[in-house]
Amino acid sequence: MPTPSVYMASPDLPAPVLRGIARFAGVHLYNEDGDVLYATPDLLSVHTVSGGIRTFNLPNQGEVVYDLYNEQFLARNVTAFNVELSPASTTLYYTGKEKLIDTLK
């Protein structure tokens, strides 16, 4: 079966269209809210302009979700978690093994 491809001549695609193309291609989407995200296997950084309640979907189950800025545990053994973000804020979450948290502080 051939690999699907998409060609768009427009240089300014709306974010929902890009998310739809990414979903079609099998790319993991962390959330649907249009926030700026940077992710590694164990870290998730989020910048939001509007703030509010967000749901983040992890590609794999995280042993812990730990807020590195506020130094608090948010969840354990989850594939998704909810947080309330302040407007114009940036957060950094660790989503890996609990035993490694002390090395990140």
N, C-alpha and C. Protein backbone atom coordinates (compact mmCIF):
# COMPACT_ATOMS: atom_id res chain seq x y z
N MET A 1 0.85 -1.18 0.00
CA MET A 1 0.00 0.00 0.00
C MET A 1 0.90 1.24 0.00
N PRO A 2 0.64 2.20 -0.88
CA PRO A 2 1.49 3.38 -0.97
C PRO A 2 1.35 4.27 0.27
N THR A 3 2.42 5.00 0.55
CA THR A 3 2.40 5.95 1.65
C THR A 3 1.58 7.16 1.23
N PRO A 4 0.61 7.59 2.05
CA PRO A 4 -0.19 8.76 1.67
C PRO A 4 0.66 10.02 1.72
N SER A 5 0.37 10.94 0.83
CA SER A 5 1.05 12.23 0.83
C SER A 5 0.04 13.32 0.56
N VAL A 6 0.37 14.52 0.98
CA VAL A 6 -0.52 15.67 0.82
C VAL A 6 0.31 16.81 0.25
N TYR A 7 -0.22 17.48 -0.76
CA TYR A 7 0.43 18.66 -1.32
C TYR A 7 -0.51 19.84 -1.12
N MET A 8 0.01 20.93 -0.56
CA MET A 8 -0.77 22.15 -0.38
C MET A 8 0.03 23.31 -0.95
N ALA A 9 -0.55 24.05 -1.85
CA ALA A 9 0.14 25.19 -2.45
C ALA A 9 0.07 26.43 -1.56
N SER A 10 -0.86 26.46 -0.64
CA SER A 10 -1.02 27.62 0.23
C SER A 10 0.07 27.65 1.29
N PRO A 11 0.74 28.81 1.46
CA PRO A 11 1.80 28.89 2.47
C PRO A 11 1.27 29.13 3.88
N ASP A 12 -0.01 29.45 4.01
CA ASP A 12 -0.55 29.85 5.32
C ASP A 12 -1.74 28.96 5.68
N LEU A 13 -1.45 27.73 6.08
CA LEU A 13 -2.52 26.80 6.44
C LEU A 13 -2.96 27.03 7.88
N PRO A 14 -4.25 27.03 8.13
CA PRO A 14 -4.74 27.15 9.51
C PRO A 14 -4.31 25.94 10.34
N ALA A 15 -4.09 26.17 11.63
CA ALA A 15 -3.64 25.10 12.53
C ALA A 15 -4.57 23.89 12.52
N PRO A 16 -5.91 24.05 12.49
CA PRO A 16 -6.76 22.86 12.45
C PRO A 16 -6.53 21.99 11.21
N VAL A 17 -6.20 22.62 10.08
CA VAL A 17 -5.92 21.86 8.86
C VAL A 17 -4.62 21.08 9.03
N LEU A 18 -3.59 21.73 9.56
CA LEU A 18 -2.32 21.04 9.80
C LEU A 18 -2.49 19.88 10.78
N ARG A 19 -3.29 20.09 11.84
CA ARG A 19 -3.54 19.00 12.79
C ARG A 19 -4.25 17.85 12.10
N GLY A 20 -5.20 18.15 11.22
CA GLY A 20 -5.91 17.10 10.49
C GLY A 20 -4.98 16.30 9.60
N ILE A 21 -4.07 16.99 8.92
CA ILE A 21 -3.09 16.31 8.06
C ILE A 21 -2.17 15.44 8.92
N ALA A 22 -1.71 15.99 10.04
CA ALA A 22 -0.83 15.22 10.93
C ALA A 22 -1.55 13.98 11.46
N ARG A 23 -2.80 14.14 11.85
CA ARG A 23 -3.59 13.00 12.34
C ARG A 23 -3.71 11.94 11.25
N PHE A 24 -3.99 12.37 10.02
CA PHE A 24 -4.11 11.46 8.87
C PHE A 24 -2.81 10.69 8.65
N ALA A 25 -1.68 11.36 8.90
CA ALA A 25 -0.36 10.74 8.69
C ALA A 25 0.06 9.86 9.87
N GLY A 26 -0.74 9.85 10.93
CA GLY A 26 -0.41 9.01 12.08
C GLY A 26 0.49 9.67 13.11
N VAL A 27 0.61 10.98 13.04
CA VAL A 27 1.44 11.71 14.00
C VAL A 27 0.69 11.81 15.33
N HIS A 28 1.41 11.63 16.44
CA HIS A 28 0.78 11.76 17.75
C HIS A 28 0.50 13.23 18.03
N LEU A 29 -0.72 13.54 18.45
CA LEU A 29 -1.10 14.91 18.81
C LEU A 29 -1.26 14.99 20.33
N TYR A 30 -0.51 15.87 20.94
CA TYR A 30 -0.56 16.01 22.40
C TYR A 30 -1.82 16.73 22.87
N ASN A 31 -2.29 17.71 22.10
CA ASN A 31 -3.56 18.36 22.43
C ASN A 31 -4.15 19.01 21.19
N GLU A 32 -5.36 19.49 21.33
CA GLU A 32 -6.10 20.05 20.19
C GLU A 32 -6.28 21.55 20.30
N ASP A 33 -5.60 22.19 21.25
CA ASP A 33 -5.91 23.58 21.58
C ASP A 33 -5.04 24.62 20.88
N GLY A 34 -4.08 24.21 20.09
CA GLY A 34 -3.27 25.18 19.35
C GLY A 34 -2.16 25.82 20.16
N ASP A 35 -1.85 25.27 21.33
CA ASP A 35 -0.74 25.79 22.12
C ASP A 35 0.58 25.38 21.48
N VAL A 36 1.63 26.11 21.80
CA VAL A 36 2.97 25.77 21.30
C VAL A 36 3.53 24.68 22.21
N LEU A 37 3.92 23.56 21.61
CA LEU A 37 4.41 22.40 22.37
C LEU A 37 5.79 21.98 21.88
N TYR A 38 6.62 21.58 22.82
CA TYR A 38 7.90 20.95 22.52
C TYR A 38 7.95 19.68 23.36
N ALA A 39 8.27 18.56 22.74
CA ALA A 39 8.24 17.29 23.47
C ALA A 39 9.46 16.44 23.17
N THR A 40 9.91 15.75 24.20
CA THR A 40 10.91 14.69 24.10
C THR A 40 10.25 13.46 24.70
N PRO A 41 10.90 12.31 24.71
CA PRO A 41 10.25 11.15 25.32
C PRO A 41 9.84 11.35 26.78
N ASP A 42 10.55 12.21 27.54
CA ASP A 42 10.23 12.39 28.96
C ASP A 42 9.87 13.81 29.37
N LEU A 43 9.88 14.76 28.45
CA LEU A 43 9.58 16.15 28.79
C LEU A 43 8.53 16.71 27.85
N LEU A 44 7.66 17.55 28.40
CA LEU A 44 6.65 18.24 27.61
C LEU A 44 6.62 19.69 28.05
N SER A 45 6.94 20.59 27.15
CA SER A 45 6.90 22.01 27.43
C SER A 45 5.74 22.62 26.65
N VAL A 46 4.98 23.47 27.31
CA VAL A 46 3.78 24.06 26.71
C VAL A 46 3.79 25.56 26.94
N HIS A 47 3.54 26.32 25.88
CA HIS A 47 3.30 27.76 26.03
C HIS A 47 1.89 28.04 25.53
N THR A 48 1.12 28.73 26.35
CA THR A 48 -0.24 29.08 25.98
C THR A 48 -0.43 30.58 26.03
N VAL A 49 -1.20 31.10 25.11
CA VAL A 49 -1.54 32.52 25.11
C VAL A 49 -2.81 32.73 25.92
N SER A 50 -3.82 31.91 25.66
CA SER A 50 -5.14 32.12 26.25
C SER A 50 -5.32 31.49 27.62
N GLY A 51 -4.56 30.45 27.95
CA GLY A 51 -4.75 29.78 29.23
C GLY A 51 -6.03 28.97 29.26
N GLY A 52 -6.33 28.37 30.41
CA GLY A 52 -7.54 27.57 30.59
C GLY A 52 -7.21 26.11 30.84
N ILE A 53 -8.25 25.30 30.93
CA ILE A 53 -8.08 23.88 31.19
C ILE A 53 -7.60 23.19 29.91
N ARG A 54 -6.57 22.37 30.05
CA ARG A 54 -6.01 21.64 28.91
C ARG A 54 -5.92 20.16 29.25
N THR A 55 -6.12 19.34 28.22
CA THR A 55 -5.88 17.91 28.31
C THR A 55 -4.72 17.58 27.41
N PHE A 56 -3.71 16.92 27.96
CA PHE A 56 -2.54 16.50 27.19
C PHE A 56 -2.52 14.99 27.09
N ASN A 57 -2.40 14.49 25.87
CA ASN A 57 -2.35 13.06 25.60
C ASN A 57 -0.91 12.65 25.37
N LEU A 58 -0.43 11.71 26.16
CA LEU A 58 0.94 11.24 26.03
C LEU A 58 1.00 10.09 25.04
N PRO A 59 2.10 9.95 24.30
CA PRO A 59 2.20 8.84 23.34
C PRO A 59 2.35 7.48 24.03
N ASN A 60 2.86 7.49 25.28
CA ASN A 60 3.02 6.28 26.07
C ASN A 60 2.62 6.58 27.51
N GLN A 61 2.33 5.55 28.25
CA GLN A 61 1.96 5.76 29.65
C GLN A 61 3.14 6.33 30.42
N GLY A 62 2.90 7.43 31.13
CA GLY A 62 3.93 8.02 31.96
C GLY A 62 3.82 7.49 33.38
N GLU A 63 4.95 7.05 33.94
CA GLU A 63 4.92 6.59 35.33
C GLU A 63 4.48 7.72 36.25
N VAL A 64 5.00 8.93 35.99
CA VAL A 64 4.57 10.12 36.72
C VAL A 64 4.46 11.28 35.74
N VAL A 65 3.61 12.24 36.09
CA VAL A 65 3.60 13.54 35.43
C VAL A 65 3.94 14.52 36.54
N TYR A 66 5.04 15.22 36.36
CA TYR A 66 5.58 16.09 37.40
C TYR A 66 5.79 17.48 36.83
N ASP A 67 5.23 18.49 37.48
CA ASP A 67 5.39 19.88 37.07
C ASP A 67 6.75 20.36 37.59
N LEU A 68 7.69 20.57 36.69
CA LEU A 68 9.05 20.94 37.09
C LEU A 68 9.15 22.37 37.62
N TYR A 69 8.30 23.28 37.17
CA TYR A 69 8.35 24.65 37.66
C TYR A 69 7.76 24.77 39.06
N ASN A 70 6.65 24.09 39.31
CA ASN A 70 5.97 24.17 40.60
C ASN A 70 6.36 23.03 41.55
N GLU A 71 7.20 22.12 41.07
CA GLU A 71 7.69 20.99 41.85
C GLU A 71 6.56 20.22 42.54
N GLN A 72 5.62 19.73 41.71
CA GLN A 72 4.53 18.92 42.26
C GLN A 72 4.12 17.83 41.30
N PHE A 73 3.69 16.71 41.87
CA PHE A 73 3.18 15.59 41.09
C PHE A 73 1.76 15.92 40.64
N LEU A 74 1.46 15.66 39.36
CA LEU A 74 0.13 15.90 38.82
C LEU A 74 -0.64 14.62 38.58
N ALA A 75 0.07 13.53 38.23
CA ALA A 75 -0.62 12.27 37.92
C ALA A 75 0.40 11.14 37.95
N ARG A 76 -0.13 9.92 38.03
CA ARG A 76 0.72 8.72 38.01
C ARG A 76 0.10 7.68 37.10
N ASN A 77 0.95 7.00 36.34
CA ASN A 77 0.53 5.90 35.46
C ASN A 77 -0.65 6.29 34.56
N VAL A 78 -0.46 7.34 33.77
CA VAL A 78 -1.52 7.85 32.91
C VAL A 78 -1.04 7.98 31.47
N THR A 79 -1.98 8.01 30.55
CA THR A 79 -1.69 8.32 29.16
C THR A 79 -2.23 9.70 28.79
N ALA A 80 -2.96 10.34 29.71
CA ALA A 80 -3.48 11.69 29.50
C ALA A 80 -3.60 12.37 30.86
N PHE A 81 -3.47 13.69 30.87
CA PHE A 81 -3.66 14.43 32.12
C PHE A 81 -4.23 15.80 31.81
N ASN A 82 -4.93 16.36 32.81
CA ASN A 82 -5.56 17.67 32.70
C ASN A 82 -4.86 18.65 33.62
N VAL A 83 -4.71 19.87 33.15
CA VAL A 83 -4.15 20.95 33.97
C VAL A 83 -4.87 22.24 33.61
N GLU A 84 -4.84 23.20 34.53
CA GLU A 84 -5.34 24.53 34.22
C GLU A 84 -4.14 25.45 34.08
N LEU A 85 -4.02 26.08 32.92
CA LEU A 85 -2.89 26.94 32.61
C LEU A 85 -3.30 28.40 32.71
N SER A 86 -2.41 29.21 33.25
CA SER A 86 -2.65 30.65 33.30
C SER A 86 -2.44 31.25 31.92
N PRO A 87 -3.13 32.35 31.60
CA PRO A 87 -2.89 33.01 30.31
C PRO A 87 -1.43 33.45 30.19
N ALA A 88 -0.91 33.41 28.98
CA ALA A 88 0.46 33.83 28.67
C ALA A 88 1.47 33.16 29.60
N SER A 89 1.39 31.83 29.68
CA SER A 89 2.29 31.10 30.57
C SER A 89 3.01 29.98 29.83
N THR A 90 4.12 29.56 30.41
CA THR A 90 4.89 28.44 29.90
C THR A 90 5.09 27.44 31.03
N THR A 91 4.93 26.16 30.73
CA THR A 91 5.07 25.11 31.73
C THR A 91 6.03 24.04 31.20
N LEU A 92 6.55 23.25 32.12
CA LEU A 92 7.44 22.16 31.75
C LEU A 92 7.10 20.95 32.62
N TYR A 93 6.73 19.86 31.96
CA TYR A 93 6.33 18.64 32.66
C TYR A 93 7.31 17.51 32.35
N TYR A 94 7.62 16.74 33.39
CA TYR A 94 8.40 15.52 33.25
C TYR A 94 7.41 14.37 33.23
N THR A 95 7.55 13.44 32.28
CA THR A 95 6.57 12.36 32.12
C THR A 95 7.24 10.99 32.08
N GLY A 96 8.27 10.82 32.88
CA GLY A 96 9.03 9.57 32.84
C GLY A 96 9.01 8.80 34.14
N LYS A 97 10.15 8.23 34.49
CA LYS A 97 10.30 7.40 35.68
C LYS A 97 10.44 8.27 36.93
N GLU A 98 9.70 7.90 37.97
CA GLU A 98 9.72 8.70 39.21
C GLU A 98 11.12 8.77 39.83
N LYS A 99 11.88 7.68 39.74
CA LYS A 99 13.19 7.65 40.39
C LYS A 99 14.18 8.66 39.81
N LEU A 100 13.89 9.22 38.63
CA LEU A 100 14.80 10.19 38.00
C LEU A 100 14.47 11.64 38.32
N ILE A 101 13.39 11.90 39.02
CA ILE A 101 12.97 13.29 39.26
C ILE A 101 14.03 14.07 40.02
N ASP A 102 14.65 13.48 41.02
CA ASP A 102 15.66 14.20 41.80
C ASP A 102 16.83 14.66 40.94
N THR A 103 17.13 13.96 39.87
CA THR A 103 18.23 14.36 38.99
C THR A 103 17.86 15.58 38.14
N LEU A 104 16.57 15.91 38.06
CA LEU A 104 16.11 17.03 37.25
C LEU A 104 16.00 18.32 38.04
N LYS A 105 16.04 18.24 39.35
CA LYS A 105 15.86 19.43 40.19
C LYS A 105 17.15 20.22 40.29
